[in-house]
Amino acid sequence: MLIIVLNCSPKRLDMDWRWWHRARDKGVLCSIIPDAHSTAQLQYLHCSILQARNGRLRKQDVVNTFSLEKLTDFLAK
């Protein structure tokens, strides 16, 4: 299984939101990371959440939403 990072920094949004639904349909998961270098930059998370929504990602497509048990099982595979 492939996981692609959705970087929250507005200077570094790695994949255009228009491609996320295609990646999702192929089984690719997303991990949203803040890439914050200060507490003020934690607000960048909002930008990435909007990117994920625009890309039609669902809760089950984002590994950050997995329960600890589900994430542990996933990583064990």
N, C-alpha and C. Protein backbone atom coordinates (compact mmCIF):
# COMPACT_ATOMS: atom_id res chain seq x y z
N MET A 1 0.84 -1.17 0.00
CA MET A 1 0.00 0.00 0.00
C MET A 1 0.89 1.23 0.00
N LEU A 2 0.50 2.20 -0.75
CA LEU A 2 1.27 3.43 -0.90
C LEU A 2 0.59 4.55 -0.12
N ILE A 3 1.41 5.34 0.57
CA ILE A 3 0.91 6.52 1.28
C ILE A 3 1.66 7.74 0.73
N ILE A 4 0.90 8.74 0.32
CA ILE A 4 1.49 9.99 -0.16
C ILE A 4 1.22 11.07 0.89
N VAL A 5 2.22 11.85 1.17
CA VAL A 5 2.11 12.93 2.16
C VAL A 5 1.45 14.14 1.52
N LEU A 6 0.51 14.71 2.23
CA LEU A 6 -0.07 15.99 1.85
C LEU A 6 0.54 17.01 2.80
N ASN A 7 1.54 17.72 2.31
CA ASN A 7 2.29 18.68 3.11
C ASN A 7 1.49 19.96 3.24
N CYS A 8 1.36 20.46 4.45
CA CYS A 8 0.51 21.62 4.72
C CYS A 8 1.13 22.98 4.38
N SER A 9 2.40 23.03 4.20
CA SER A 9 3.02 24.31 3.93
C SER A 9 2.49 24.87 2.61
N PRO A 10 1.96 26.11 2.59
CA PRO A 10 1.44 26.68 1.35
C PRO A 10 2.51 26.84 0.28
N LYS A 11 3.76 26.84 0.69
CA LYS A 11 4.84 26.93 -0.28
C LYS A 11 5.20 25.56 -0.85
N ARG A 12 4.57 24.49 -0.29
CA ARG A 12 4.99 23.16 -0.70
C ARG A 12 3.84 22.16 -0.66
N LEU A 13 2.75 22.47 -1.33
CA LEU A 13 1.67 21.50 -1.45
C LEU A 13 2.09 20.52 -2.55
N ASP A 14 2.46 19.33 -2.15
CA ASP A 14 3.15 18.40 -3.04
C ASP A 14 2.34 17.93 -4.25
N MET A 15 1.08 17.58 -4.04
CA MET A 15 0.31 17.06 -5.16
C MET A 15 -0.94 17.92 -5.33
N ASP A 16 -1.20 18.33 -6.54
CA ASP A 16 -2.38 19.14 -6.83
C ASP A 16 -3.64 18.39 -6.42
N TRP A 17 -4.59 19.09 -5.83
CA TRP A 17 -5.80 18.45 -5.32
C TRP A 17 -6.58 17.73 -6.41
N ARG A 18 -6.42 18.16 -7.67
CA ARG A 18 -7.17 17.53 -8.76
C ARG A 18 -6.73 16.10 -9.04
N TRP A 19 -5.60 15.68 -8.48
CA TRP A 19 -5.11 14.31 -8.69
C TRP A 19 -5.43 13.37 -7.54
N TRP A 20 -5.87 13.91 -6.40
CA TRP A 20 -6.07 13.07 -5.23
C TRP A 20 -7.14 12.02 -5.42
N HIS A 21 -8.25 12.35 -6.09
CA HIS A 21 -9.30 11.34 -6.25
C HIS A 21 -8.83 10.18 -7.13
N ARG A 22 -7.98 10.47 -8.09
CA ARG A 22 -7.42 9.38 -8.92
C ARG A 22 -6.51 8.48 -8.10
N ALA A 23 -5.68 9.09 -7.28
CA ALA A 23 -4.80 8.31 -6.41
C ALA A 23 -5.65 7.47 -5.45
N ARG A 24 -6.67 8.08 -4.87
CA ARG A 24 -7.57 7.37 -3.95
C ARG A 24 -8.20 6.16 -4.64
N ASP A 25 -8.67 6.35 -5.86
CA ASP A 25 -9.32 5.26 -6.59
C ASP A 25 -8.36 4.11 -6.91
N LYS A 26 -7.07 4.39 -6.88
CA LYS A 26 -6.06 3.35 -7.11
C LYS A 26 -5.56 2.74 -5.80
N GLY A 27 -6.16 3.15 -4.67
CA GLY A 27 -5.81 2.58 -3.38
C GLY A 27 -4.73 3.32 -2.61
N VAL A 28 -4.32 4.48 -3.11
CA VAL A 28 -3.29 5.27 -2.43
C VAL A 28 -3.91 5.97 -1.22
N LEU A 29 -3.22 5.93 -0.10
CA LEU A 29 -3.66 6.62 1.10
C LEU A 29 -2.92 7.95 1.23
N CYS A 30 -3.45 8.80 2.09
CA CYS A 30 -2.88 10.13 2.31
C CYS A 30 -2.49 10.27 3.78
N SER A 31 -1.40 10.95 4.02
CA SER A 31 -1.01 11.34 5.37
C SER A 31 -0.83 12.85 5.38
N ILE A 32 -1.61 13.52 6.20
CA ILE A 32 -1.53 14.97 6.29
C ILE A 32 -0.53 15.33 7.38
N ILE A 33 0.49 16.10 7.00
CA ILE A 33 1.50 16.53 7.97
C ILE A 33 1.54 18.06 8.02
N PRO A 34 1.76 18.65 9.20
CA PRO A 34 1.75 20.11 9.28
C PRO A 34 3.00 20.78 8.74
N ASP A 35 4.14 20.11 8.74
CA ASP A 35 5.40 20.73 8.32
C ASP A 35 5.59 22.08 9.01
N ALA A 36 5.19 22.15 10.28
CA ALA A 36 5.25 23.40 11.04
C ALA A 36 6.63 23.57 11.66
N HIS A 37 7.16 24.75 11.49
CA HIS A 37 8.44 25.09 12.10
C HIS A 37 8.25 26.08 13.24
N SER A 38 6.99 26.36 13.52
CA SER A 38 6.62 27.18 14.67
C SER A 38 5.15 26.87 14.98
N THR A 39 4.71 27.21 16.17
CA THR A 39 3.32 26.92 16.53
C THR A 39 2.35 27.71 15.65
N ALA A 40 2.74 28.87 15.19
CA ALA A 40 1.87 29.68 14.33
C ALA A 40 1.60 28.96 13.00
N GLN A 41 2.53 28.14 12.56
CA GLN A 41 2.36 27.44 11.29
C GLN A 41 1.44 26.22 11.38
N LEU A 42 1.00 25.88 12.58
CA LEU A 42 0.04 24.78 12.71
C LEU A 42 -1.28 25.11 12.01
N GLN A 43 -1.53 26.39 11.78
CA GLN A 43 -2.74 26.78 11.06
C GLN A 43 -2.73 26.27 9.61
N TYR A 44 -1.58 25.85 9.11
CA TYR A 44 -1.48 25.30 7.76
C TYR A 44 -2.29 24.01 7.61
N LEU A 45 -2.58 23.34 8.72
CA LEU A 45 -3.38 22.12 8.66
C LEU A 45 -4.71 22.39 7.97
N HIS A 46 -5.29 23.53 8.22
CA HIS A 46 -6.57 23.87 7.61
C HIS A 46 -6.46 23.85 6.08
N CYS A 47 -5.37 24.38 5.57
CA CYS A 47 -5.14 24.41 4.13
C CYS A 47 -5.11 23.00 3.55
N SER A 48 -4.43 22.09 4.22
CA SER A 48 -4.34 20.72 3.72
C SER A 48 -5.66 19.97 3.84
N ILE A 49 -6.41 20.26 4.87
CA ILE A 49 -7.73 19.63 5.00
C ILE A 49 -8.61 20.07 3.84
N LEU A 50 -8.54 21.33 3.47
CA LEU A 50 -9.29 21.80 2.31
C LEU A 50 -8.82 21.12 1.03
N GLN A 51 -7.51 20.93 0.90
CA GLN A 51 -6.97 20.22 -0.27
C GLN A 51 -7.51 18.80 -0.33
N ALA A 52 -7.52 18.13 0.81
CA ALA A 52 -8.02 16.75 0.86
C ALA A 52 -9.50 16.70 0.52
N ARG A 53 -10.26 17.63 1.03
CA ARG A 53 -11.70 17.68 0.71
C ARG A 53 -11.93 17.96 -0.76
N ASN A 54 -11.20 18.93 -1.30
CA ASN A 54 -11.34 19.24 -2.73
C ASN A 54 -10.97 18.04 -3.59
N GLY A 55 -10.01 17.25 -3.11
CA GLY A 55 -9.60 16.05 -3.83
C GLY A 55 -10.50 14.86 -3.59
N ARG A 56 -11.60 15.08 -2.88
CA ARG A 56 -12.61 14.06 -2.60
C ARG A 56 -12.08 12.89 -1.78
N LEU A 57 -11.13 13.19 -0.89
CA LEU A 57 -10.65 12.16 0.02
C LEU A 57 -11.66 11.97 1.14
N ARG A 58 -11.81 10.74 1.54
CA ARG A 58 -12.72 10.39 2.62
C ARG A 58 -11.90 10.09 3.88
N LYS A 59 -12.58 9.98 5.00
CA LYS A 59 -11.91 9.71 6.26
C LYS A 59 -11.03 8.46 6.15
N GLN A 60 -11.54 7.42 5.53
CA GLN A 60 -10.80 6.16 5.41
C GLN A 60 -9.60 6.25 4.47
N ASP A 61 -9.46 7.36 3.75
CA ASP A 61 -8.33 7.56 2.83
C ASP A 61 -7.15 8.27 3.50
N VAL A 62 -7.36 8.77 4.72
CA VAL A 62 -6.34 9.57 5.41
C VAL A 62 -5.87 8.81 6.64
N VAL A 63 -4.60 8.39 6.65
CA VAL A 63 -4.10 7.56 7.75
C VAL A 63 -4.12 8.30 9.10
N ASN A 64 -4.11 9.62 9.10
CA ASN A 64 -4.19 10.37 10.34
C ASN A 64 -5.51 10.14 11.07
N THR A 65 -6.51 9.65 10.39
CA THR A 65 -7.81 9.42 11.01
C THR A 65 -7.96 8.00 11.54
N PHE A 66 -7.00 7.13 11.29
CA PHE A 66 -7.07 5.74 11.74
C PHE A 66 -6.98 5.67 13.26
N SER A 67 -7.69 4.73 13.81
CA SER A 67 -7.54 4.45 15.24
C SER A 67 -6.15 3.86 15.47
N LEU A 68 -5.70 3.86 16.70
CA LEU A 68 -4.38 3.30 17.01
C LEU A 68 -4.32 1.83 16.60
N GLU A 69 -5.38 1.10 16.89
CA GLU A 69 -5.42 -0.33 16.53
C GLU A 69 -5.35 -0.53 15.01
N LYS A 70 -6.13 0.24 14.28
CA LYS A 70 -6.12 0.11 12.81
C LYS A 70 -4.76 0.51 12.24
N LEU A 71 -4.18 1.58 12.76
CA LEU A 71 -2.87 2.02 12.28
C LEU A 71 -1.79 0.99 12.59
N THR A 72 -1.82 0.42 13.78
CA THR A 72 -0.85 -0.61 14.16
C THR A 72 -0.97 -1.83 13.25
N ASP A 73 -2.20 -2.27 12.99
CA ASP A 73 -2.42 -3.40 12.08
C ASP A 73 -1.94 -3.08 10.67
N PHE A 74 -2.25 -1.87 10.22
CA PHE A 74 -1.85 -1.45 8.89
C PHE A 74 -0.33 -1.45 8.74
N LEU A 75 0.35 -0.89 9.72
CA LEU A 75 1.81 -0.80 9.66
C LEU A 75 2.46 -2.17 9.81
N ALA A 76 1.81 -3.08 10.50
CA ALA A 76 2.35 -4.44 10.66
C ALA A 76 2.36 -5.18 9.33
N LYS A 77 1.42 -4.85 8.47
CA LYS A 77 1.34 -5.48 7.14
C LYS A 77 2.45 -4.96 6.27
